[in-house]
PDB file of N, CA and C in Angstrom:
ATOM      1  N   ALA A   1     -18.125  -1.290 -17.740  1.00  0.00           N
ATOM      2  CA  ALA A   1     -18.431  -2.803 -17.310  1.00  0.00           C
ATOM      3  C   ALA A   1     -17.942  -3.816 -17.996  1.00  0.00           C
ATOM      4  N   GLU A   2     -17.648  -3.683 -19.344  1.00  0.00           N
ATOM      5  CA  GLU A   2     -17.279  -4.845 -19.929  1.00  0.00           C
ATOM      6  C   GLU A   2     -16.013  -5.398 -19.782  1.00  0.00           C
ATOM      7  N   TYR A   3     -14.993  -4.564 -19.301  1.00  0.00           N
ATOM      8  CA  TYR A   3     -13.672  -4.870 -18.774  1.00  0.00           C
ATOM      9  C   TYR A   3     -13.223  -4.794 -17.284  1.00  0.00           C
ATOM     10  N   ALA A   4     -14.220  -4.478 -16.593  1.00  0.00           N
ATOM     11  CA  ALA A   4     -13.963  -4.380 -15.052  1.00  0.00           C
ATOM     12  C   ALA A   4     -13.860  -5.742 -14.479  1.00  0.00           C
ATOM     13  N   PRO A   5     -14.571  -6.880 -14.995  1.00  0.00           N
ATOM     14  CA  PRO A   5     -14.497  -8.174 -14.195  1.00  0.00           C
ATOM     15  C   PRO A   5     -12.725  -8.655 -14.465  1.00  0.00           C
ATOM     16  N   ASN A   6     -12.223  -8.012 -15.225  1.00  0.00           N
ATOM     17  CA  ASN A   6     -10.542  -8.710 -15.671  1.00  0.00           C
ATOM     18  C   ASN A   6      -9.781  -8.353 -14.534  1.00  0.00           C
ATOM     19  N   LEU A   7     -10.131  -7.174 -13.862  1.00  0.00           N
ATOM     20  CA  LEU A   7      -9.185  -6.961 -12.659  1.00  0.00           C
ATOM     21  C   LEU A   7      -9.511  -7.969 -11.446  1.00  0.00           C
ATOM     22  N   ARG A   8     -10.473  -8.711 -11.430  1.00  0.00           N
ATOM     23  CA  ARG A   8     -10.748  -9.555 -10.391  1.00  0.00           C
ATOM     24  C   ARG A   8      -9.595 -10.454 -10.018  1.00  0.00           C
ATOM     25  N   GLY A   9      -8.790 -10.683  -8.788  1.00  0.00           N
ATOM     26  CA  GLY A   9      -7.880 -11.418  -8.673  1.00  0.00           C
ATOM     27  C   GLY A   9      -6.601 -11.138  -9.458  1.00  0.00           C
ATOM     28  N   SER A  10      -6.252  -9.864  -9.880  1.00  0.00           N
ATOM     29  CA  SER A  10      -5.360  -9.444 -10.463  1.00  0.00           C
ATOM     30  C   SER A  10      -4.275  -9.112  -9.507  1.00  0.00           C
ATOM     31  N   GLY A  11      -4.608  -8.546  -8.366  1.00  0.00           N
ATOM     32  CA  GLY A  11      -3.893  -8.119  -7.394  1.00  0.00           C
ATOM     33  C   GLY A  11      -3.565  -6.658  -7.446  1.00  0.00           C
ATOM     34  N   VAL A  12      -4.278  -5.892  -8.547  1.00  0.00           N
ATOM     35  CA  VAL A  12      -4.117  -4.354  -8.534  1.00  0.00           C
ATOM     36  C   VAL A  12      -5.274  -3.785  -7.545  1.00  0.00           C
ATOM     37  N   HIS A  13      -4.777  -2.931  -6.773  1.00  0.00           N
ATOM     38  CA  HIS A  13      -5.441  -2.066  -5.903  1.00  0.00           C
ATOM     39  C   HIS A  13      -4.756  -0.567  -5.793  1.00  0.00           C
ATOM     40  N   GLY A  14      -5.660   0.152  -5.287  1.00  0.00           N
ATOM     41  CA  GLY A  14      -5.635   1.889  -5.262  1.00  0.00           C
ATOM     42  C   GLY A  14      -4.038   1.966  -4.639  1.00  0.00           C
ATOM     43  N   ALA A  15      -3.452   1.371  -3.776  1.00  0.00           N
ATOM     44  CA  ALA A  15      -1.857   1.863  -3.404  1.00  0.00           C
ATOM     45  C   ALA A  15      -0.984   1.645  -4.467  1.00  0.00           C
ATOM     46  N   LEU A  16      -0.980   0.300  -5.308  1.00  0.00           N
ATOM     47  CA  LEU A  16      -0.255   0.075  -6.318  1.00  0.00           C
ATOM     48  C   LEU A  16      -0.652   1.244  -7.431  1.00  0.00           C
ATOM     49  N   VAL A  17      -1.898   1.637  -7.708  1.00  0.00           N
ATOM     50  CA  VAL A  17      -2.024   2.336  -8.869  1.00  0.00           C
ATOM     51  C   VAL A  17      -1.490   3.941  -8.666  1.00  0.00           C
ATOM     52  N   ALA A  18      -1.552   4.310  -7.531  1.00  0.00           N
ATOM     53  CA  ALA A  18      -1.032   5.715  -7.145  1.00  0.00           C
ATOM     54  C   ALA A  18       0.346   5.687  -6.711  1.00  0.00           C
ATOM     55  N   LEU A  19       0.772   4.674  -5.662  1.00  0.00           N
ATOM     56  CA  LEU A  19       2.361   4.667  -5.180  1.00  0.00           C
ATOM     57  C   LEU A  19       3.456   3.859  -6.054  1.00  0.00           C
ATOM     58  N   GLU A  20       3.007   2.965  -7.038  1.00  0.00           N
ATOM     59  CA  GLU A  20       3.956   2.582  -8.004  1.00  0.00           C
ATOM     60  C   GLU A  20       4.252   3.493  -9.252  1.00  0.00           C
ATOM     61  N   PRO A  21       5.192   3.743  -9.393  1.00  0.00           N
ATOM     62  CA  PRO A  21       5.606   4.843 -10.428  1.00  0.00           C
ATOM     63  C   PRO A  21       5.579   4.450 -11.496  1.00  0.00           C
ATOM     64  N   LYS A  22       5.997   2.872 -11.627  1.00  0.00           N
ATOM     65  CA  LYS A  22       5.873   2.302 -12.965  1.00  0.00           C
ATOM     66  C   LYS A  22       4.606   1.895 -13.283  1.00  0.00           C
ATOM     67  N   PHE A  23       3.569   2.182 -12.621  1.00  0.00           N
ATOM     68  CA  PHE A  23       2.200   1.731 -13.178  1.00  0.00           C
ATOM     69  C   PHE A  23       1.426   3.119 -13.807  1.00  0.00           C
ATOM     70  N   GLY A  24       1.100   2.793 -14.908  1.00  0.00           N
ATOM     71  CA  GLY A  24       0.639   3.986 -15.960  1.00  0.00           C
ATOM     72  C   GLY A  24      -0.845   3.178 -16.562  1.00  0.00           C
ATOM     73  N   ALA A  25      -1.486   4.177 -17.214  1.00  0.00           N
ATOM     74  CA  ALA A  25      -2.561   3.930 -17.743  1.00  0.00           C
ATOM     75  C   ALA A  25      -2.575   2.747 -18.965  1.00  0.00           C
ATOM     76  N   GLU A  26      -1.220   2.827 -19.748  1.00  0.00           N
ATOM     77  CA  GLU A  26      -1.104   1.653 -20.509  1.00  0.00           C
ATOM     78  C   GLU A  26      -1.219   0.210 -20.054  1.00  0.00           C
ATOM     79  N   LEU A  27      -0.422   0.452 -18.672  1.00  0.00           N
ATOM     80  CA  LEU A  27      -0.549  -1.248 -18.385  1.00  0.00           C
ATOM     81  C   LEU A  27      -1.991  -1.357 -17.383  1.00  0.00           C
ATOM     82  N   LEU A  28      -2.525  -0.201 -16.968  1.00  0.00           N
ATOM     83  CA  LEU A  28      -3.964  -0.687 -16.679  1.00  0.00           C
ATOM     84  C   LEU A  28      -4.753  -1.180 -17.654  1.00  0.00           C
ATOM     85  N   ALA A  29      -4.928  -0.557 -18.943  1.00  0.00           N
ATOM     86  CA  ALA A  29      -5.353  -0.836 -20.198  1.00  0.00           C
ATOM     87  C   ALA A  29      -5.177  -2.701 -20.273  1.00  0.00           C
ATOM     88  N   THR A  30      -3.865  -2.861 -20.137  1.00  0.00           N
ATOM     89  CA  THR A  30      -3.380  -4.052 -20.565  1.00  0.00           C
ATOM     90  C   THR A  30      -4.285  -5.226 -19.702  1.00  0.00           C
ATOM     91  N   LEU A  31      -3.792  -4.570 -18.393  1.00  0.00           N
ATOM     92  CA  LEU A  31      -4.898  -5.613 -17.206  1.00  0.00           C
ATOM     93  C   LEU A  31      -5.932  -5.703 -17.378  1.00  0.00           C
ATOM     94  N   LEU A  32      -6.768  -4.815 -18.092  1.00  0.00           N
ATOM     95  CA  LEU A  32      -8.069  -4.701 -18.118  1.00  0.00           C
ATOM     96  C   LEU A  32      -8.632  -5.448 -19.436  1.00  0.00           C
ATOM     97  N   SER A  33      -7.509  -5.919 -20.186  1.00  0.00           N
ATOM     98  CA  SER A  33      -7.696  -6.630 -21.548  1.00  0.00           C
ATOM     99  C   SER A  33      -8.202  -5.865 -22.490  1.00  0.00           C
ATOM    100  N   ILE A  34      -8.128  -4.410 -22.804  1.00  0.00           N
ATOM    101  CA  ILE A  34      -8.524  -3.409 -23.491  1.00  0.00           C
ATOM    102  C   ILE A  34      -7.546  -3.641 -24.870  1.00  0.00           C
ATOM    103  N   PRO A  35      -8.346  -4.164 -25.857  1.00  0.00           N
ATOM    104  CA  PRO A  35      -7.284  -4.520 -27.290  1.00  0.00           C
ATOM    105  C   PRO A  35      -6.468  -3.076 -27.477  1.00  0.00           C
ATOM    106  N   PRO A  36      -5.554  -3.144 -28.119  1.00  0.00           N
ATOM    107  CA  PRO A  36      -4.610  -2.215 -28.829  1.00  0.00           C
ATOM    108  C   PRO A  36      -5.640  -1.356 -29.909  1.00  0.00           C
ATOM    109  N   SER A  37      -6.407  -2.179 -30.492  1.00  0.00           N
ATOM    110  CA  SER A  37      -7.229  -1.639 -31.555  1.00  0.00           C
ATOM    111  C   SER A  37      -8.128  -0.610 -30.991  1.00  0.00           C
ATOM    112  N   LYS A  38      -8.747  -0.774 -29.868  1.00  0.00           N
ATOM    113  CA  LYS A  38      -9.407   0.472 -29.161  1.00  0.00           C
ATOM    114  C   LYS A  38      -8.851   1.557 -28.749  1.00  0.00           C
ATOM    115  N   SER A  39      -8.237   2.239 -29.468  1.00  0.00           N
ATOM    116  CA  SER A  39      -7.335   3.360 -29.381  1.00  0.00           C
ATOM    117  C   SER A  39      -8.088   4.224 -28.667  1.00  0.00           C
ATOM    118  N   LEU A  40      -9.365   4.864 -28.979  1.00  0.00           N
ATOM    119  CA  LEU A  40     -10.091   5.922 -28.092  1.00  0.00           C
ATOM    120  C   LEU A  40     -10.648   5.719 -27.080  1.00  0.00           C
ATOM    121  N   LEU A  41     -11.015   3.891 -26.619  1.00  0.00           N
ATOM    122  CA  LEU A  41     -11.192   3.636 -25.333  1.00  0.00           C
ATOM    123  C   LEU A  41     -10.021   3.719 -24.514  1.00  0.00           C
ATOM    124  N   ARG A  42      -8.645   3.378 -25.225  1.00  0.00           N
ATOM    125  CA  ARG A  42      -7.248   3.621 -24.119  1.00  0.00           C
ATOM    126  C   ARG A  42      -7.187   4.967 -23.958  1.00  0.00           C
ATOM    127  N   ARG A  43      -7.596   6.073 -24.743  1.00  0.00           N
ATOM    128  CA  ARG A  43      -7.089   7.360 -24.545  1.00  0.00           C
ATOM    129  C   ARG A  43      -7.915   7.902 -23.804  1.00  0.00           C
ATOM    130  N   HIS A  44      -9.131   7.375 -23.748  1.00  0.00           N
ATOM    131  CA  HIS A  44     -10.215   8.034 -22.619  1.00  0.00           C
ATOM    132  C   HIS A  44      -9.705   7.510 -21.300  1.00  0.00           C
ATOM    133  N   LEU A  45      -9.063   6.294 -20.995  1.00  0.00           N
ATOM    134  CA  LEU A  45      -8.708   5.633 -20.013  1.00  0.00           C
ATOM    135  C   LEU A  45      -7.457   6.465 -19.216  1.00  0.00           C
ATOM    136  N   ASN A  46      -6.499   6.908 -20.484  1.00  0.00           N
ATOM    137  CA  ASN A  46      -5.568   7.586 -19.976  1.00  0.00           C
ATOM    138  C   ASN A  46      -5.851   9.149 -19.256  1.00  0.00           C
ATOM    139  N   LEU A  47      -6.790   9.414 -20.138  1.00  0.00           N
ATOM    140  CA  LEU A  47      -7.181  11.005 -19.295  1.00  0.00           C
ATOM    141  C   LEU A  47      -7.753  10.879 -18.040  1.00  0.00           C
ATOM    142  N   HIS A  48      -8.698   9.889 -17.848  1.00  0.00           N
ATOM    143  CA  HIS A  48      -9.120   9.563 -16.558  1.00  0.00           C
ATOM    144  C   HIS A  48      -8.060   9.235 -15.483  1.00  0.00           C
ATOM    145  N   PHE A  49      -7.240   8.250 -16.093  1.00  0.00           N
ATOM    146  CA  PHE A  49      -6.060   7.825 -14.769  1.00  0.00           C
ATOM    147  C   PHE A  49      -5.486   9.177 -14.318  1.00  0.00           C
ATOM    148  N   SER A  50      -5.177   9.895 -15.303  1.00  0.00           N
ATOM    149  CA  SER A  50      -4.298  11.236 -14.810  1.00  0.00           C
ATOM    150  C   SER A  50      -5.264  11.889 -13.700  1.00  0.00           C
ATOM    151  N   GLY A  51      -6.870  11.891 -13.832  1.00  0.00           N
ATOM    152  CA  GLY A  51      -7.762  12.604 -12.980  1.00  0.00           C
ATOM    153  C   GLY A  51      -7.873  11.820 -11.575  1.00  0.00           C
ATOM    154  N   LEU A  52      -7.725  10.505 -11.595  1.00  0.00           N
ATOM    155  CA  LEU A  52      -7.853   9.498 -10.713  1.00  0.00           C
ATOM    156  C   LEU A  52      -6.593   9.896  -9.681  1.00  0.00           C
ATOM    157  N   VAL A  53      -5.302   9.703 -10.377  1.00  0.00           N
ATOM    158  CA  VAL A  53      -4.273   9.624  -9.437  1.00  0.00           C
ATOM    159  C   VAL A  53      -3.773  11.040  -8.584  1.00  0.00           C
ATOM    160  N   GLY A  54      -4.086  12.066  -9.590  1.00  0.00           N
ATOM    161  CA  GLY A  54      -3.849  13.448  -9.101  1.00  0.00           C
ATOM    162  C   GLY A  54      -2.743  14.001 -10.006  1.00  0.00           C
ATOM    163  N   ARG A  55      -2.607  15.346 -10.039  1.00  0.00           N
ATOM    164  CA  ARG A  55      -1.591  16.003 -10.966  1.00  0.00           C
ATOM    165  C   ARG A  55      -0.407  16.047 -10.144  1.00  0.00           C
ATOM    166  N   ASP A  56      -0.011  15.689  -8.993  1.00  0.00           N
ATOM    167  CA  ASP A  56       1.161  15.683  -8.480  1.00  0.00           C
ATOM    168  C   ASP A  56       2.100  14.268  -8.786  1.00  0.00           C
ATOM    169  N   ILE A  57       1.041  13.121  -8.594  1.00  0.00           N
ATOM    170  CA  ILE A  57       1.518  11.825  -8.532  1.00  0.00           C
ATOM    171  C   ILE A  57       1.580  11.722  -9.909  1.00  0.00           C
ATOM    172  N   MET A  58       1.026  12.190 -10.847  1.00  0.00           N
ATOM    173  CA  MET A  58       1.286  11.948 -12.379  1.00  0.00           C
ATOM    174  C   MET A  58       2.474  12.355 -12.787  1.00  0.00           C
ATOM    175  N   THR A  59       2.581  13.717 -12.153  1.00  0.00           N
ATOM    176  CA  THR A  59       3.876  14.377 -12.585  1.00  0.00           C
ATOM    177  C   THR A  59       4.978  13.450 -12.389  1.00  0.00           C
ATOM    178  N   GLU A  60       4.971  12.926 -11.017  1.00  0.00           N
ATOM    179  CA  GLU A  60       6.319  12.411 -10.334  1.00  0.00           C
ATOM    180  C   GLU A  60       6.319  11.154 -11.181  1.00  0.00           C
ATOM    181  N   LYS A  61       5.139  10.376 -11.627  1.00  0.00           N
ATOM    182  CA  LYS A  61       5.327   9.061 -12.853  1.00  0.00           C
ATOM    183  C   LYS A  61       6.028   9.498 -14.003  1.00  0.00           C
ATOM    184  N   ARG A  62       5.572  10.573 -14.764  1.00  0.00           N
ATOM    185  CA  ARG A  62       6.169  11.097 -15.759  1.00  0.00           C
ATOM    186  C   ARG A  62       7.658  11.473 -15.847  1.00  0.00           C
ATOM    187  N   ASN A  63       8.105  11.958 -14.549  1.00  0.00           N
ATOM    188  CA  ASN A  63       9.513  12.320 -14.232  1.00  0.00           C
ATOM    189  C   ASN A  63      10.314  11.048 -14.192  1.00  0.00           C
ATOM    190  N   ILE A  64       9.789   9.733 -13.877  1.00  0.00           N
ATOM    191  CA  ILE A  64      10.272   8.586 -13.445  1.00  0.00           C
ATOM    192  C   ILE A  64      10.256   7.838 -14.564  1.00  0.00           C
ATOM    193  N   GLN A  65       9.203   7.898 -15.510  1.00  0.00           N
ATOM    194  CA  GLN A  65       9.198   7.278 -16.745  1.00  0.00           C
ATOM    195  C   GLN A  65      10.022   7.692 -17.786  1.00  0.00           C
ATOM    196  N   SER A  66      10.480   9.177 -17.762  1.00  0.00           N
ATOM    197  CA  SER A  66      11.134   9.789 -18.722  1.00  0.00           C
ATOM    198  C   SER A  66      12.771   9.370 -18.461  1.00  0.00           C
ATOM    199  N   ASP A  67      13.079   8.809 -17.421  1.00  0.00           N
ATOM    200  CA  ASP A  67      14.612   8.191 -17.277  1.00  0.00           C
ATOM    201  C   ASP A  67      15.017   7.198 -18.412  1.00  0.00           C
ATOM    202  N   PRO A  68      16.068   7.484 -18.668  1.00  0.00           N
ATOM    203  CA  PRO A  68      16.766   6.676 -19.762  1.00  0.00           C
ATOM    204  C   PRO A  68      16.498   5.301 -19.331  1.00  0.00           C
ATOM    205  N   ASN A  69      16.877   4.719 -17.956  1.00  0.00           N
ATOM    206  CA  ASN A  69      16.810   3.513 -17.524  1.00  0.00           C
ATOM    207  C   ASN A  69      15.736   3.222 -17.315  1.00  0.00           C
ATOM    208  N   PHE A  70      14.559   3.763 -17.429  1.00  0.00           N
ATOM    209  CA  PHE A  70      13.458   3.162 -16.729  1.00  0.00           C
ATOM    210  C   PHE A  70      12.859   1.955 -17.875  1.00  0.00           C
ATOM    211  N   ALA A  71      12.523   1.063 -17.022  1.00  0.00           N
ATOM    212  CA  ALA A  71      11.848  -0.232 -17.326  1.00  0.00           C
ATOM    213  C   ALA A  71      10.563  -0.422 -16.733  1.00  0.00           C
ATOM    214  N   PRO A  72       9.551  -0.432 -18.127  1.00  0.00           N
ATOM    215  CA  PRO A  72       7.920  -0.281 -17.540  1.00  0.00           C
ATOM    216  C   PRO A  72       7.493  -1.792 -16.905  1.00  0.00           C
ATOM    217  N   LEU A  73       6.669  -1.500 -16.214  1.00  0.00           N
ATOM    218  CA  LEU A  73       6.076  -2.869 -15.589  1.00  0.00           C
ATOM    219  C   LEU A  73       5.393  -3.428 -16.512  1.00  0.00           C
ATOM    220  N   THR A  74       5.038  -5.050 -16.281  1.00  0.00           N
ATOM    221  CA  THR A  74       4.530  -5.896 -17.577  1.00  0.00           C
ATOM    222  C   THR A  74       3.453  -6.634 -16.677  1.00  0.00           C
ATOM    223  N   PRO A  75       2.246  -6.894 -17.058  1.00  0.00           N
ATOM    224  CA  PRO A  75       1.678  -7.715 -16.306  1.00  0.00           C
ATOM    225  C   PRO A  75       1.932  -8.780 -15.724  1.00  0.00           C
ATOM    226  N   SER A  76       3.133  -9.669 -16.300  1.00  0.00           N
ATOM    227  CA  SER A  76       3.861 -10.902 -15.829  1.00  0.00           C
ATOM    228  C   SER A  76       4.716 -10.246 -14.733  1.00  0.00           C
ATOM    229  N   ALA A  77       5.124  -9.148 -14.426  1.00  0.00           N
ATOM    230  CA  ALA A  77       6.173  -8.788 -13.588  1.00  0.00           C
ATOM    231  C   ALA A  77       6.204  -9.287 -12.202  1.00  0.00           C
ATOM    232  N   LYS A  78       7.008  -9.630 -11.581  1.00  0.00           N
ATOM    233  CA  LYS A  78       7.122 -10.035 -10.260  1.00  0.00           C
ATOM    234  C   LYS A  78       8.016  -9.458  -9.154  1.00  0.00           C
ATOM    235  N   HIS A  79       7.796  -9.309  -8.115  1.00  0.00           N
ATOM    236  CA  HIS A  79       8.552  -8.778  -7.294  1.00  0.00           C
ATOM    237  C   HIS A  79       9.275  -9.796  -6.288  1.00  0.00           C
ATOM    238  N   LYS A  80      10.490  -9.521  -6.402  1.00  0.00           N
ATOM    239  CA  LYS A  80      11.550 -10.507  -5.509  1.00  0.00           C
ATOM    240  C   LYS A  80      11.400  -9.959  -4.040  1.00  0.00           C
ATOM    241  N   TYR A  81      11.148 -10.240  -2.875  1.00  0.00           N
ATOM    242  CA  TYR A  81      11.108  -9.892  -1.618  1.00  0.00           C
ATOM    243  C   TYR A  81      12.680 -10.306  -0.987  1.00  0.00           C
ATOM    244  N   LYS A  82      13.299  -9.208  -0.330  1.00  0.00           N
ATOM    245  CA  LYS A  82      14.669  -9.837  -0.015  1.00  0.00           C
ATOM    246  C   LYS A  82      14.557 -10.015   1.712  1.00  0.00           C
ATOM    247  N   HIS A  83      14.834 -11.042   2.123  1.00  0.00           N
ATOM    248  CA  HIS A  83      14.664 -11.490   3.420  1.00  0.00           C
ATOM    249  C   HIS A  83      15.794 -10.983   4.120  1.00  0.00           C
ATOM    250  N   GLY A  84      15.318 -10.922   5.662  1.00  0.00           N
ATOM    251  CA  GLY A  84      16.810 -10.708   6.656  1.00  0.00           C
ATOM    252  C   GLY A  84      16.651  -9.134   7.037  1.00  0.00           C
ATOM    253  N   GLN A  85      15.910  -8.635   6.637  1.00  0.00           N
ATOM    254  CA  GLN A  85      15.788  -7.003   7.186  1.00  0.00           C
ATOM    255  C   GLN A  85      14.750  -7.325   8.439  1.00  0.00           C
ATOM    256  N   PHE A  86      13.933  -8.028   8.650  1.00  0.00           N
ATOM    257  CA  PHE A  86      12.890  -7.938   9.753  1.00  0.00           C
ATOM    258  C   PHE A  86      13.252  -8.771  11.015  1.00  0.00           C
ATOM    259  N   THR A  87      13.471  -8.182  11.943  1.00  0.00           N
ATOM    260  CA  THR A  87      13.922  -8.697  13.327  1.00  0.00           C
ATOM    261  C   THR A  87      12.877  -8.842  14.138  1.00  0.00           C
ATOM    262  N   LEU A  88      12.637  -9.498  15.032  1.00  0.00           N
ATOM    263  CA  LEU A  88      11.810  -9.788  16.108  1.00  0.00           C
ATOM    264  C   LEU A  88      12.257  -9.311  17.381  1.00  0.00           C
ATOM    265  N   LYS A  89      11.579  -8.165  18.137  1.00  0.00           N
ATOM    266  CA  LYS A  89      12.059  -7.584  19.102  1.00  0.00           C
ATOM    267  C   LYS A  89      11.385  -8.383  20.281  1.00  0.00           C
ATOM    268  N   ARG A  90      12.253  -8.630  21.503  1.00  0.00           N
ATOM    269  CA  ARG A  90      12.136  -9.173  22.553  1.00  0.00           C
ATOM    270  C   ARG A  90      10.753  -8.359  23.396  1.00  0.00           C
ATOM    271  N   LYS A  91       9.772  -8.891  23.889  1.00  0.00           N
ATOM    272  CA  LYS A  91       8.736  -8.194  24.820  1.00  0.00           C
ATOM    273  C   LYS A  91       9.299  -7.533  25.700  1.00  0.00           C
ATOM    274  N   LYS A  92       8.670  -6.962  26.590  1.00  0.00           N
ATOM    275  CA  LYS A  92       8.868  -5.888  27.585  1.00  0.00           C
ATOM    276  C   LYS A  92       8.611  -6.807  28.854  1.00  0.00           C
ATOM    277  N   SER A  93       9.060  -6.912  29.843  1.00  0.00           N
ATOM    278  CA  SER A  93       8.692  -7.341  31.263  1.00  0.00           C
ATOM    279  C   SER A  93       7.653  -6.347  31.705  1.00  0.00           C
ATOM    280  N   LYS A  94       6.892  -6.799  32.767  1.00  0.00           N
ATOM    281  CA  LYS A  94       6.199  -5.813  33.665  1.00  0.00           C
ATOM    282  C   LYS A  94       6.626  -4.578  33.886  1.00  0.00           C
ATOM    283  N   SER A  95       7.872  -4.631  34.836  1.00  0.00           N
ATOM    284  CA  SER A  95       9.052  -3.835  35.221  1.00  0.00           C
ATOM    285  C   SER A  95       9.432  -2.704  34.390  1.00  0.00           C
ATOM    286  N   GLU A  96       9.369  -2.997  32.914  1.00  0.00           N
ATOM    287  CA  GLU A  96      10.135  -2.161  31.918  1.00  0.00           C
ATOM    288  C   GLU A  96       8.883  -1.527  31.368  1.00  0.00           C
ATOM    289  N   PHE A  97       7.858  -1.222  31.881  1.00  0.00           N
ATOM    290  CA  PHE A  97       6.833  -0.483  31.222  1.00  0.00           C
ATOM    291  C   PHE A  97       6.665   0.821  32.258  1.00  0.00           C
ATOM    292  N   ASP A  98       6.725   1.855  31.548  1.00  0.00           N
ATOM    293  CA  ASP A  98       6.953   3.192  32.481  1.00  0.00           C
ATOM    294  C   ASP A  98       5.894   3.724  33.475  1.00  0.00           C
ATOM    295  N   GLY A  99       4.884   3.975  32.751  1.00  0.00           N
ATOM    296  CA  GLY A  99       3.332   4.291  33.456  1.00  0.00           C
ATOM    297  C   GLY A  99       2.383   3.184  33.015  1.00  0.00           C
ATOM    298  N   GLU A 100       2.088   2.484  34.152  1.00  0.00           N
ATOM    299  CA  GLU A 100       1.123   1.337  34.079  1.00  0.00           C
ATOM    300  C   GLU A 100      -0.105   2.106  34.010  1.00  0.00           C
ATOM    301  N   ASP A 101      -0.546   3.332  34.517  1.00  0.00           N
ATOM    302  CA  ASP A 101      -1.564   3.778  34.635  1.00  0.00           C
ATOM    303  C   ASP A 101      -1.945   4.291  33.172  1.00  0.00           C
ATOM    304  N   CYS A 102      -0.995   4.636  32.490  1.00  0.00           N
ATOM    305  CA  CYS A 102      -1.144   4.962  30.889  1.00  0.00           C
ATOM    306  C   CYS A 102      -1.666   3.910  30.141  1.00  0.00           C
ATOM    307  N   LEU A 103      -1.896   2.558  30.501  1.00  0.00           N
ATOM    308  CA  LEU A 103      -2.222   1.634  29.528  1.00  0.00           C
ATOM    309  C   LEU A 103      -3.896   1.355  29.659  1.00  0.00           C
ATOM    310  N   VAL A 104      -4.309   1.189  28.391  1.00  0.00           N
ATOM    311  CA  VAL A 104      -5.596   0.521  28.389  1.00  0.00           C
ATOM    312  C   VAL A 104      -5.897  -0.344  29.067  1.00  0.00           C
ATOM    313  N   CYS A 105      -5.450  -1.351  29.230  1.00  0.00           N
ATOM    314  CA  CYS A 105      -5.546  -2.440  30.028  1.00  0.00           C
ATOM    315  C   CYS A 105      -4.642  -2.797  31.101  1.00  0.00           C
ATOM    316  N   PRO A 106      -4.322  -2.079  32.381  1.00  0.00           N
ATOM    317  CA  PRO A 106      -3.275  -2.102  33.299  1.00  0.00           C
ATOM    318  C   PRO A 106      -2.950  -3.510  33.766  1.00  0.00           C
ATOM    319  N   PHE A 107      -1.739  -3.783  34.145  1.00  0.00           N
ATOM    320  CA  PHE A 107      -1.525  -5.430  34.841  1.00  0.00           C
ATOM    321  C   PHE A 107      -2.339  -5.542  36.191  1.00  0.00           C
ATOM    322  N   SER A 108      -2.203  -4.310  36.891  1.00  0.00           N
ATOM    323  CA  SER A 108      -2.952  -4.362  38.198  1.00  0.00           C
ATOM    324  C   SER A 108      -4.518  -3.800  38.020  1.00  0.00           C
ATOM    325  N   PRO A 109      -5.430  -4.315  38.894  1.00  0.00           N
ATOM    326  CA  PRO A 109      -6.862  -3.938  38.931  1.00  0.00           C
ATOM    327  C   PRO A 109      -6.972  -2.484  39.543  1.00  0.00           C
ATOM    328  N   VAL A 110      -7.580  -1.705  38.613  1.00  0.00           N
ATOM    329  CA  VAL A 110      -7.991  -0.305  39.239  1.00  0.00           C
ATOM    330  C   VAL A 110      -8.949  -0.218  40.265  1.00  0.00           C
ATOM    331  N   VAL A 111      -8.960   0.383  41.141  1.00  0.00           N
ATOM    332  CA  VAL A 111     -10.073   0.520  42.147  1.00  0.00           C
ATOM    333  C   VAL A 111     -10.140   1.996  42.393  1.00  0.00           C
ATOM    334  N   GLY A 112     -11.458   2.603  42.164  1.00  0.00           N
ATOM    335  CA  GLY A 112     -11.319   4.092  41.969  1.00  0.00           C
ATOM    336  C   GLY A 112     -10.278   4.711  41.068  1.00  0.00           C
ATOM    337  N   ASN A 113      -9.604   5.316  41.735  1.00  0.00           N
ATOM    338  CA  ASN A 113      -8.653   6.042  40.852  1.00  0.00           C
ATOM    339  C   ASN A 113      -7.093   5.871  41.108  1.00  0.00           C
ATOM    340  N   LYS A 114      -7.197   4.670  41.957  1.00  0.00           N
ATOM    341  CA  LYS A 114      -5.773   4.189  42.421  1.00  0.00           C
ATOM    342  C   LYS A 114      -5.575   2.850  41.842  1.00  0.00           C
ATOM    343  N   ILE A 115      -4.542   2.412  41.605  1.00  0.00           N
ATOM    344  CA  ILE A 115      -4.174   1.062  41.229  1.00  0.00           C
ATOM    345  C   ILE A 115      -3.807   0.152  42.344  1.00  0.00           C
ATOM    346  N   LYS A 116      -4.507  -0.797  42.478  1.00  0.00           N
ATOM    347  CA  LYS A 116      -4.108  -1.645  43.648  1.00  0.00           C
ATOM    348  C   LYS A 116      -3.379  -2.556  42.981  1.00  0.00           C
ATOM    349  N   SER A 117      -2.311  -2.917  44.094  1.00  0.00           N
ATOM    350  CA  SER A 117      -1.526  -3.815  43.673  1.00  0.00           C
ATOM    351  C   SER A 117      -1.725  -5.214  44.125  1.00  0.00           C
ATOM    352  N   HIS A 118      -1.122  -5.971  43.516  1.00  0.00           N
ATOM    353  CA  HIS A 118      -1.544  -7.651  43.639  1.00  0.00           C
ATOM    354  C   HIS A 118      -0.796  -8.112  45.088  1.00  0.00           C
ATOM    355  N   HIS A 119       0.347  -7.598  45.290  1.00  0.00           N
ATOM    356  CA  HIS A 119       1.581  -7.803  46.276  1.00  0.00           C
ATOM    357  C   HIS A 119       1.283  -6.964  47.468  1.00  0.00           C
ATOM    358  N   GLN A 120       0.286  -6.776  48.005  1.00  0.00           N
ATOM    359  CA  GLN A 120      -0.176  -6.149  49.265  1.00  0.00           C
ATOM    360  C   GLN A 120       0.245  -6.799  50.441  1.00  0.00           C
ATOM    361  N   PRO A 121       0.983  -6.100  51.417  1.00  0.00           N
ATOM    362  CA  PRO A 121       1.174  -6.823  52.544  1.00  0.00           C
ATOM    363  C   PRO A 121       0.149  -7.131  53.570  1.00  0.00           C
TER     364      PRO A 121
END
């Protein structure tokens, strides 16, 4: 409870802990502001971090960390997002929908089990 408030506003969440291969127990200890002199507490955190993320994810993290070109994350690291991959798709017109009866909110009002067309003669 003494170190937990240090995570508030840090941007650390479960997906980052589990899915970021560079995120480990040492970085978590640093983000929690646990001093390096508290080695027993850091060792305890390391043990429970492995249990938290699971054996398979921890094995994957260790394999990535054993790479000679591995650069660990730091608390001040920032991710640069590359723009240009996102495109907006045009909206489909009413005539492009295949099955109007499969829509949750169909374009034409439903009367009984039949779709009533707005364009009745």
